[in-house]
C-alpha atoms as a PDB file:
ATOM      1  CA  MET A   1     101.554  62.650 222.051  1.00  0.00           C
ATOM      2  CA  ASP A   2     104.862  60.672 222.335  1.00  0.00           C
ATOM      3  CA  ALA A   3     105.502  58.072 219.995  1.00  0.00           C
ATOM      4  CA  GLU A   4     104.662  55.119 222.905  1.00  0.00           C
ATOM      5  CA  ALA A   5     101.756  56.201 222.625  1.00  0.00           C
ATOM      6  CA  HIS A   6     100.915  56.470 218.929  1.00  0.00           C
ATOM      7  CA  ILE A   7     102.379  52.803 219.189  1.00  0.00           C
ATOM      8  CA  ALA A   8      99.820  51.914 221.765  1.00  0.00           C
ATOM      9  CA  GLN A   9      96.711  53.325 219.461  1.00  0.00           C
ATOM     10  CA  VAL A  10      98.287  51.626 216.350  1.00  0.00           C
ATOM     11  CA  GLN A  11      97.819  48.395 218.683  1.00  0.00           C
ATOM     12  CA  ALA A  12      94.636  49.007 220.192  1.00  0.00           C
ATOM     13  CA  ARG A  13      92.676  50.479 217.238  1.00  0.00           C
ATOM     14  CA  GLY A  14      94.775  49.381 214.350  1.00  0.00           C
ATOM     15  CA  TYR A  15      96.277  53.279 213.057  1.00  0.00           C
ATOM     16  CA  THR A  16      97.192  56.659 214.798  1.00  0.00           C
ATOM     17  CA  ILE A  17      97.854  59.892 213.403  1.00  0.00           C
ATOM     18  CA  VAL A  18     100.493  62.290 213.759  1.00  0.00           C
ATOM     19  CA  GLU A  19      99.372  65.918 213.334  1.00  0.00           C
ATOM     20  CA  ASN A  20     101.806  68.568 212.126  1.00  0.00           C
ATOM     21  CA  ALA A  21     104.566  65.795 211.760  1.00  0.00           C
ATOM     22  CA  ILE A  22     106.365  66.975 208.806  1.00  0.00           C
ATOM     23  CA  LYS A  23     107.628  70.469 208.782  1.00  0.00           C
ATOM     24  CA  PRO A  24     106.426  72.690 206.001  1.00  0.00           C
ATOM     25  CA  ASP A  25     109.402  73.025 203.726  1.00  0.00           C
ATOM     26  CA  LEU A  26     109.684  69.540 203.398  1.00  0.00           C
ATOM     27  CA  VAL A  27     106.251  69.198 202.391  1.00  0.00           C
ATOM     28  CA  ASP A  28     106.352  72.010 199.479  1.00  0.00           C
ATOM     29  CA  ALA A  29     110.057  70.061 198.695  1.00  0.00           C
ATOM     30  CA  LEU A  30     107.523  66.545 198.072  1.00  0.00           C
ATOM     31  CA  ASN A  31     105.211  68.213 196.226  1.00  0.00           C
ATOM     32  CA  GLU A  32     107.345  70.087 193.485  1.00  0.00           C
ATOM     33  CA  ALA A  33     109.369  66.985 192.763  1.00  0.00           C
ATOM     34  CA  LEU A  34     106.365  65.242 192.396  1.00  0.00           C
ATOM     35  CA  ALA A  35     104.685  67.298 190.365  1.00  0.00           C
ATOM     36  CA  ARG A  36     108.438  67.763 187.743  1.00  0.00           C
ATOM     37  CA  ILE A  37     108.622  63.836 187.895  1.00  0.00           C
ATOM     38  CA  GLU A  38     104.892  63.335 186.897  1.00  0.00           C
ATOM     39  CA  ARG A  39     105.444  65.945 184.216  1.00  0.00           C
ATOM     40  CA  GLU A  40     108.502  64.959 182.804  1.00  0.00           C
ATOM     41  CA  ARG A  41     107.907  61.415 182.803  1.00  0.00           C
ATOM     42  CA  ASP A  42     103.982  62.230 181.424  1.00  0.00           C
ATOM     43  CA  VAL A  43     103.080  59.254 184.555  1.00  0.00           C
ATOM     44  CA  ARG A  44      99.312  58.640 184.275  1.00  0.00           C
ATOM     45  CA  PRO A  45      96.392  56.531 186.008  1.00  0.00           C
ATOM     46  CA  ALA A  46      97.208  52.831 186.205  1.00  0.00           C
ATOM     47  CA  GLY A  47      93.200  52.452 184.827  1.00  0.00           C
ATOM     48  CA  ASN A  48      92.044  49.757 187.384  1.00  0.00           C
ATOM     49  CA  ASP A  49      90.014  49.622 190.086  1.00  0.00           C
ATOM     50  CA  PHE A  50      92.516  48.405 192.406  1.00  0.00           C
ATOM     51  CA  GLU A  51      95.268  51.569 191.947  1.00  0.00           C
ATOM     52  CA  GLY A  52      92.362  54.228 190.266  1.00  0.00           C
ATOM     53  CA  ARG A  53      91.236  55.621 187.211  1.00  0.00           C
ATOM     54  CA  HIS A  54      91.630  58.891 188.086  1.00  0.00           C
ATOM     55  CA  THR A  55      94.583  58.156 190.560  1.00  0.00           C
ATOM     56  CA  VAL A  56      98.611  59.109 189.919  1.00  0.00           C
ATOM     57  CA  ARG A  57     100.906  57.062 191.540  1.00  0.00           C
ATOM     58  CA  ILE A  58     104.655  57.313 190.881  1.00  0.00           C
ATOM     59  CA  TYR A  59     106.444  54.155 192.473  1.00  0.00           C
ATOM     60  CA  ASN A  60     109.953  53.750 193.453  1.00  0.00           C
ATOM     61  CA  LEU A  61     110.459  57.151 194.365  1.00  0.00           C
ATOM     62  CA  LEU A  62     113.821  56.956 196.127  1.00  0.00           C
ATOM     63  CA  ALA A  63     115.878  56.239 192.673  1.00  0.00           C
ATOM     64  CA  PHE A  64     114.809  59.784 192.354  1.00  0.00           C
ATOM     65  CA  GLY A  65     116.723  61.229 194.996  1.00  0.00           C
ATOM     66  CA  ALA A  66     116.217  64.020 197.374  1.00  0.00           C
ATOM     67  CA  PRO A  67     113.766  64.732 198.954  1.00  0.00           C
ATOM     68  CA  PHE A  68     112.929  61.653 199.303  1.00  0.00           C
ATOM     69  CA  ASP A  69     115.520  60.331 201.121  1.00  0.00           C
ATOM     70  CA  ARG A  70     114.269  62.159 204.079  1.00  0.00           C
ATOM     71  CA  VAL A  71     110.961  60.721 204.402  1.00  0.00           C
ATOM     72  CA  PRO A  72     112.516  57.351 205.373  1.00  0.00           C
ATOM     73  CA  VAL A  73     114.309  58.001 208.543  1.00  0.00           C
ATOM     74  CA  HIS A  74     111.989  60.757 209.784  1.00  0.00           C
ATOM     75  CA  PRO A  75     111.686  61.201 213.551  1.00  0.00           C
ATOM     76  CA  ALA A  76     108.554  61.600 213.630  1.00  0.00           C
ATOM     77  CA  VAL A  77     107.545  58.752 212.037  1.00  0.00           C
ATOM     78  CA  LEU A  78     110.017  56.133 211.505  1.00  0.00           C
ATOM     79  CA  PRO A  79     110.764  55.413 216.159  1.00  0.00           C
ATOM     80  CA  ILE A  80     106.561  54.943 215.862  1.00  0.00           C
ATOM     81  CA  VAL A  81     106.899  52.314 212.965  1.00  0.00           C
ATOM     82  CA  GLU A  82     109.659  50.198 214.599  1.00  0.00           C
ATOM     83  CA  GLY A  83     108.009  50.294 217.661  1.00  0.00           C
ATOM     84  CA  VAL A  84     105.207  48.783 216.017  1.00  0.00           C
ATOM     85  CA  LEU A  85     107.217  46.094 214.256  1.00  0.00           C
ATOM     86  CA  ASP A  86     110.597  46.032 215.390  1.00  0.00           C
ATOM     87  CA  ALA A  87     114.009  48.116 214.834  1.00  0.00           C
ATOM     88  CA  GLY A  88     114.475  45.529 211.976  1.00  0.00           C
ATOM     89  CA  CYS A  89     111.882  46.712 209.599  1.00  0.00           C
ATOM     90  CA  LEU A  90     112.601  47.300 206.260  1.00  0.00           C
ATOM     91  CA  ILE A  91     111.210  49.393 203.724  1.00  0.00           C
ATOM     92  CA  SER A  92     108.938  47.972 201.431  1.00  0.00           C
ATOM     93  CA  SER A  93     107.922  50.860 199.290  1.00  0.00           C
ATOM     94  CA  LEU A  94     107.528  53.905 198.894  1.00  0.00           C
ATOM     95  CA  SER A  95     105.472  55.968 196.235  1.00  0.00           C
ATOM     96  CA  SER A  96     103.326  58.694 195.752  1.00  0.00           C
ATOM     97  CA  ILE A  97      99.060  58.873 195.856  1.00  0.00           C
ATOM     98  CA  ALA A  98      97.305  61.900 194.122  1.00  0.00           C
ATOM     99  CA  ILE A  99      93.562  61.355 194.035  1.00  0.00           C
ATOM    100  CA  ASP A 100      92.256  63.678 191.246  1.00  0.00           C
ATOM    101  CA  PRO A 101      88.489  64.739 191.055  1.00  0.00           C
ATOM    102  CA  GLY A 102      86.010  61.992 190.092  1.00  0.00           C
ATOM    103  CA  GLU A 103      88.011  59.401 191.605  1.00  0.00           C
ATOM    104  CA  VAL A 104      85.616  56.549 193.595  1.00  0.00           C
ATOM    105  CA  ALA A 105      86.326  54.734 196.501  1.00  0.00           C
ATOM    106  CA  GLN A 106      88.982  52.259 196.399  1.00  0.00           C
ATOM    107  CA  PRO A 107      87.913  48.846 197.412  1.00  0.00           C
ATOM    108  CA  ILE A 108      88.685  47.655 201.274  1.00  0.00           C
ATOM    109  CA  HIS A 109      91.518  45.872 201.954  1.00  0.00           C
ATOM    110  CA  ALA A 110      94.503  44.755 203.996  1.00  0.00           C
ATOM    111  CA  ASP A 111      97.745  45.784 203.010  1.00  0.00           C
ATOM    112  CA  ASP A 112      99.226  42.317 203.847  1.00  0.00           C
ATOM    113  CA  GLN A 113      96.541  40.148 203.425  1.00  0.00           C
ATOM    114  CA  VAL A 114      98.334  38.467 199.936  1.00  0.00           C
ATOM    115  CA  ILE A 115     100.453  36.707 202.997  1.00  0.00           C
ATOM    116  CA  PRO A 116      99.330  33.108 203.477  1.00  0.00           C
ATOM    117  CA  LEU A 117      99.265  33.473 207.676  1.00  0.00           C
ATOM    118  CA  ASP A 118      96.434  33.284 209.731  1.00  0.00           C
ATOM    119  CA  LYS A 119      95.237  36.390 211.549  1.00  0.00           C
ATOM    120  CA  PRO A 120      95.173  37.978 214.235  1.00  0.00           C
ATOM    121  CA  HIS A 121      98.854  37.802 213.653  1.00  0.00           C
ATOM    122  CA  ARG A 122     101.939  39.953 215.591  1.00  0.00           C
ATOM    123  CA  PRO A 123     101.829  43.465 212.731  1.00  0.00           C
ATOM    124  CA  LEU A 124     104.085  42.532 209.595  1.00  0.00           C
ATOM    125  CA  VAL A 125     103.597  45.544 207.841  1.00  0.00           C
ATOM    126  CA  CYS A 126     102.982  48.962 209.500  1.00  0.00           C
ATOM    127  CA  ASN A 127     102.069  51.987 206.734  1.00  0.00           C
ATOM    128  CA  SER A 128     101.941  55.498 206.656  1.00  0.00           C
ATOM    129  CA  MET A 129     100.342  58.206 204.464  1.00  0.00           C
ATOM    130  CA  TRP A 130     101.686  61.655 204.286  1.00  0.00           C
ATOM    131  CA  ALA A 131      99.414  64.151 203.812  1.00  0.00           C
ATOM    132  CA  LEU A 132     100.639  66.408 201.279  1.00  0.00           C
ATOM    133  CA  THR A 133      97.401  68.450 200.982  1.00  0.00           C
ATOM    134  CA  ASP A 134      94.728  68.745 203.449  1.00  0.00           C
ATOM    135  CA  PHE A 135      93.013  65.211 203.838  1.00  0.00           C
ATOM    136  CA  THR A 136      89.094  65.571 204.143  1.00  0.00           C
ATOM    137  CA  GLU A 137      86.052  63.299 203.458  1.00  0.00           C
ATOM    138  CA  PRO A 138      85.246  65.084 200.033  1.00  0.00           C
ATOM    139  CA  ASN A 139      88.415  65.041 199.184  1.00  0.00           C
ATOM    140  CA  GLY A 140      89.297  61.299 199.197  1.00  0.00           C
ATOM    141  CA  ALA A 141      90.721  61.214 202.734  1.00  0.00           C
ATOM    142  CA  THR A 142      91.852  57.483 203.638  1.00  0.00           C
ATOM    143  CA  ARG A 143      88.957  55.178 204.413  1.00  0.00           C
ATOM    144  CA  LEU A 144      89.386  53.191 207.735  1.00  0.00           C
ATOM    145  CA  VAL A 145      87.817  50.377 209.759  1.00  0.00           C
ATOM    146  CA  PRO A 146      88.539  50.646 213.685  1.00  0.00           C
ATOM    147  CA  GLY A 147      89.754  47.339 214.937  1.00  0.00           C
ATOM    148  CA  SER A 148      89.357  45.697 212.018  1.00  0.00           C
ATOM    149  CA  HIS A 149      93.492  44.375 212.242  1.00  0.00           C
ATOM    150  CA  LEU A 150      91.951  41.765 214.823  1.00  0.00           C
ATOM    151  CA  LYS A 151      90.083  40.453 212.649  1.00  0.00           C
ATOM    152  CA  ALA A 152      90.518  37.863 209.531  1.00  0.00           C
ATOM    153  CA  ASN A 153      90.914  39.589 205.947  1.00  0.00           C
ATOM    154  CA  PRO A 154      88.060  41.433 204.198  1.00  0.00           C
ATOM    155  CA  GLU A 155      86.119  40.441 201.911  1.00  0.00           C
ATOM    156  CA  TYR A 156      87.520  42.547 198.306  1.00  0.00           C
ATOM    157  CA  GLY A 157      85.417  44.966 196.940  1.00  0.00           C
ATOM    158  CA  GLY A 158      82.602  44.227 199.980  1.00  0.00           C
ATOM    159  CA  ALA A 159      81.174  47.452 201.897  1.00  0.00           C
ATOM    160  CA  TYR A 160      81.905  47.956 205.267  1.00  0.00           C
ATOM    161  CA  ASP A 161      81.226  51.401 207.772  1.00  0.00           C
ATOM    162  CA  THR A 162      84.184  52.894 207.749  1.00  0.00           C
ATOM    163  CA  ILE A 163      85.819  56.682 209.091  1.00  0.00           C
ATOM    164  CA  PRO A 164      87.821  58.887 207.166  1.00  0.00           C
ATOM    165  CA  ALA A 165      90.841  59.523 208.670  1.00  0.00           C
ATOM    166  CA  GLU A 166      90.869  63.513 208.458  1.00  0.00           C
ATOM    167  CA  MET A 167      93.993  65.473 208.869  1.00  0.00           C
ATOM    168  CA  ALA A 168      95.991  67.977 207.914  1.00  0.00           C
ATOM    169  CA  LYS A 169      98.239  69.175 205.268  1.00  0.00           C
ATOM    170  CA  GLY A 170     101.774  67.826 207.070  1.00  0.00           C
ATOM    171  CA  SER A 171     100.164  65.073 209.091  1.00  0.00           C
ATOM    172  CA  VAL A 172     100.944  61.427 209.036  1.00  0.00           C
ATOM    173  CA  LEU A 173      98.819  58.803 209.209  1.00  0.00           C
ATOM    174  CA  ILE A 174     100.290  55.285 210.459  1.00  0.00           C
ATOM    175  CA  TRP A 175      98.537  51.694 210.643  1.00  0.00           C
ATOM    176  CA  ASP A 176      98.797  48.180 211.334  1.00  0.00           C
ATOM    177  CA  GLY A 177      99.298  46.681 207.425  1.00  0.00           C
ATOM    178  CA  ALA A 178      96.160  44.056 208.830  1.00  0.00           C
ATOM    179  CA  LEU A 179      94.009  46.940 209.262  1.00  0.00           C
ATOM    180  CA  TRP A 180      90.865  47.077 206.946  1.00  0.00           C
ATOM    181  CA  HIS A 181      90.769  50.397 204.797  1.00  0.00           C
ATOM    182  CA  GLY A 182      91.064  52.385 201.282  1.00  0.00           C
ATOM    183  CA  GLY A 183      91.582  55.417 199.472  1.00  0.00           C
ATOM    184  CA  GLY A 184      88.591  57.924 199.596  1.00  0.00           C
ATOM    185  CA  ALA A 185      86.008  58.827 196.519  1.00  0.00           C
ATOM    186  CA  ASN A 186      87.313  62.176 195.572  1.00  0.00           C
ATOM    187  CA  ARG A 187      83.568  64.587 195.119  1.00  0.00           C
ATOM    188  CA  THR A 188      85.974  68.088 195.258  1.00  0.00           C
ATOM    189  CA  ASP A 189      87.694  69.927 192.390  1.00  0.00           C
ATOM    190  CA  ARG A 190      91.121  69.587 193.609  1.00  0.00           C
ATOM    191  CA  ARG A 191      93.585  66.681 194.102  1.00  0.00           C
ATOM    192  CA  ARG A 192      94.099  64.888 197.349  1.00  0.00           C
ATOM    193  CA  MET A 193      98.103  64.485 197.107  1.00  0.00           C
ATOM    194  CA  GLY A 194      99.932  62.106 199.341  1.00  0.00           C
ATOM    195  CA  VAL A 195     102.893  59.554 200.498  1.00  0.00           C
ATOM    196  CA  ALA A 196     102.465  55.812 200.693  1.00  0.00           C
ATOM    197  CA  MET A 197     105.751  55.024 203.418  1.00  0.00           C
ATOM    198  CA  ASN A 198     105.285  51.500 203.940  1.00  0.00           C
ATOM    199  CA  TYR A 199     107.459  49.056 206.185  1.00  0.00           C
ATOM    200  CA  CYS A 200     107.306  45.538 206.529  1.00  0.00           C
ATOM    201  CA  ALA A 201     108.935  43.447 209.251  1.00  0.00           C
ATOM    202  CA  GLY A 202     113.093  42.619 208.441  1.00  0.00           C
ATOM    203  CA  PHE A 203     112.063  38.685 207.815  1.00  0.00           C
ATOM    204  CA  ILE A 204     109.331  39.365 205.103  1.00  0.00           C
ATOM    205  CA  ARG A 205     110.120  40.384 200.779  1.00  0.00           C
ATOM    206  CA  GLN A 206     109.720  43.857 200.369  1.00  0.00           C
ATOM    207  CA  GLN A 207     106.928  45.104 198.405  1.00  0.00           C
ATOM    208  CA  GLU A 208     109.419  47.132 195.785  1.00  0.00           C
ATOM    209  CA  ASN A 209     112.894  45.531 195.363  1.00  0.00           C
ATOM    210  CA  GLN A 210     115.055  47.878 197.178  1.00  0.00           C
ATOM    211  CA  GLN A 211     118.069  45.973 195.450  1.00  0.00           C
ATOM    212  CA  LEU A 212     117.485  46.256 192.146  1.00  0.00           C
ATOM    213  CA  GLY A 213     115.713  49.151 192.089  1.00  0.00           C
ATOM    214  CA  LEU A 214     118.178  51.739 193.597  1.00  0.00           C
ATOM    215  CA  ASP A 215     121.383  52.226 191.720  1.00  0.00           C
ATOM    216  CA  PRO A 216     124.293  50.578 194.434  1.00  0.00           C
ATOM    217  CA  ALA A 217     126.239  54.122 193.940  1.00  0.00           C
ATOM    218  CA  GLN A 218     123.272  55.730 194.715  1.00  0.00           C
ATOM    219  CA  VAL A 219     122.705  54.017 197.895  1.00  0.00           C
ATOM    220  CA  ARG A 220     126.768  54.400 199.056  1.00  0.00           C
ATOM    221  CA  GLY A 221     125.391  58.278 199.209  1.00  0.00           C
ATOM    222  CA  PHE A 222     122.391  57.061 201.769  1.00  0.00           C
ATOM    223  CA  SER A 223     123.346  57.345 205.588  1.00  0.00           C
ATOM    224  CA  PRO A 224     123.856  54.036 207.557  1.00  0.00           C
ATOM    225  CA  ARG A 225     120.326  53.791 208.686  1.00  0.00           C
ATOM    226  CA  LEU A 226     118.495  54.646 205.265  1.00  0.00           C
ATOM    227  CA  GLN A 227     120.965  51.918 203.623  1.00  0.00           C
ATOM    228  CA  GLU A 228     120.202  49.413 206.350  1.00  0.00           C
ATOM    229  CA  LEU A 229     115.867  49.754 205.689  1.00  0.00           C
ATOM    230  CA  ILE A 230     116.183  49.130 202.161  1.00  0.00           C
ATOM    231  CA  GLY A 231     117.759  45.979 203.281  1.00  0.00           C
ATOM    232  CA  TYR A 232     121.500  46.243 203.146  1.00  0.00           C
ATOM    233  CA  GLY A 233     121.320  45.391 207.357  1.00  0.00           C
ATOM    234  CA  VAL A 234     121.274  42.159 208.729  1.00  0.00           C
ATOM    235  CA  TYR A 235     117.958  40.849 210.435  1.00  0.00           C
ATOM    236  CA  ARG A 236     118.938  39.922 213.936  1.00  0.00           C
ATOM    237  CA  GLY A 237     122.075  38.352 213.355  1.00  0.00           C
ATOM    238  CA  LEU A 238     121.168  35.889 210.486  1.00  0.00           C
ATOM    239  CA  ILE A 239     118.650  37.044 207.978  1.00  0.00           C
ATOM    240  CA  GLY A 240     120.802  38.497 204.665  1.00  0.00           C
ATOM    241  CA  HIS A 241     123.976  38.013 205.374  1.00  0.00           C
ATOM    242  CA  ILE A 242     126.940  37.235 202.810  1.00  0.00           C
ATOM    243  CA  ASP A 243     129.330  34.982 204.413  1.00  0.00           C
ATOM    244  CA  LYS A 244     128.995  36.576 207.207  1.00  0.00           C
ATOM    245  CA  GLN A 245     129.225  39.811 206.076  1.00  0.00           C
ATOM    246  CA  SER A 246     126.046  42.456 206.045  1.00  0.00           C
ATOM    247  CA  PRO A 247     125.478  43.721 202.398  1.00  0.00           C
ATOM    248  CA  GLN A 248     126.308  47.346 204.267  1.00  0.00           C
ATOM    249  CA  GLN A 249     129.639  46.219 204.472  1.00  0.00           C
ATOM    250  CA  ARG A 250     130.306  44.635 200.777  1.00  0.00           C
ATOM    251  CA  LEU A 251     128.594  47.749 199.455  1.00  0.00           C
ATOM    252  CA  THR A 252     130.708  50.481 201.424  1.00  0.00           C
ATOM    253  CA  GLY A 253     133.772  48.481 202.644  1.00  0.00           C
ATOM    254  CA  ARG A 254     132.955  49.645 205.976  1.00  0.00           C
ATOM    255  CA  GLY A 255     130.954  48.709 209.389  1.00  0.00           C
ATOM    256  CA  SER A 256     130.960  45.517 211.381  1.00  0.00           C
ATOM    257  CA  PHE A 257     128.850  42.334 211.755  1.00  0.00           C
ATOM    258  CA  ARG A 258     129.015  39.864 213.859  1.00  0.00           C
ATOM    259  CA  SER A 259     126.756  36.909 213.709  1.00  0.00           C
ATOM    260  CA  ILE A 260     123.618  35.420 215.632  1.00  0.00           C
ATOM    261  CA  TRP A 261     126.149  32.426 216.356  1.00  0.00           C
ATOM    262  CA  ASP A 262     129.421  34.749 217.010  1.00  0.00           C
ATOM    263  CA  ARG A 263     127.723  35.910 219.941  1.00  0.00           C
END
């Protein structure tokens, strides 16, 4: 299935699954890096109903360097996200979600429901879940309500009919942030491991503050497209400029920018 077909699925039912999108070497590198960070930082569950009492989450993953810088610009995922939002999209957050045995289902929610706009509306958020292990119904595969991206927000904690987004290790689930969903319950004896690579439209605030969360010296080493994705670009020639320069120019001394008014 090509990118246009995946985009059409997101528009029609609110989500799509890109099977076997990520090569095994990157999956292994991500798993190894996450295990090391969790061990070195002694990361523990947050202990609340939303983030989970048996779920380990690590936030702001770009700050840890390779291999996480390969995730936001992945060629099997980013073109679909750009088609759902537009090429001016931004990284909203990059985190890991490890659902351990004994975890209960997460409350059904929409990722954009804190944005005070009536629904339905054009996509403002487009998120993805990278399967670093197999995602199955018993081990906590993400629960979805197909077509719900065209409805008002769900009642938080309400009971809804859902389907599991089952997919093989290396696959990626992509959804409109208005889609009702939640992490599943893990009734197995093994961890369900995923990376949440989340994007937003270039005209709204990012979930994680990328400019303060990442050392500018580190950002200088990123590719130009990754610099743009974390917020060092300018949306449609206007939003985010500094004295008619892009933040990217200020950071690196390279590149060019023309204001929307100068075109």
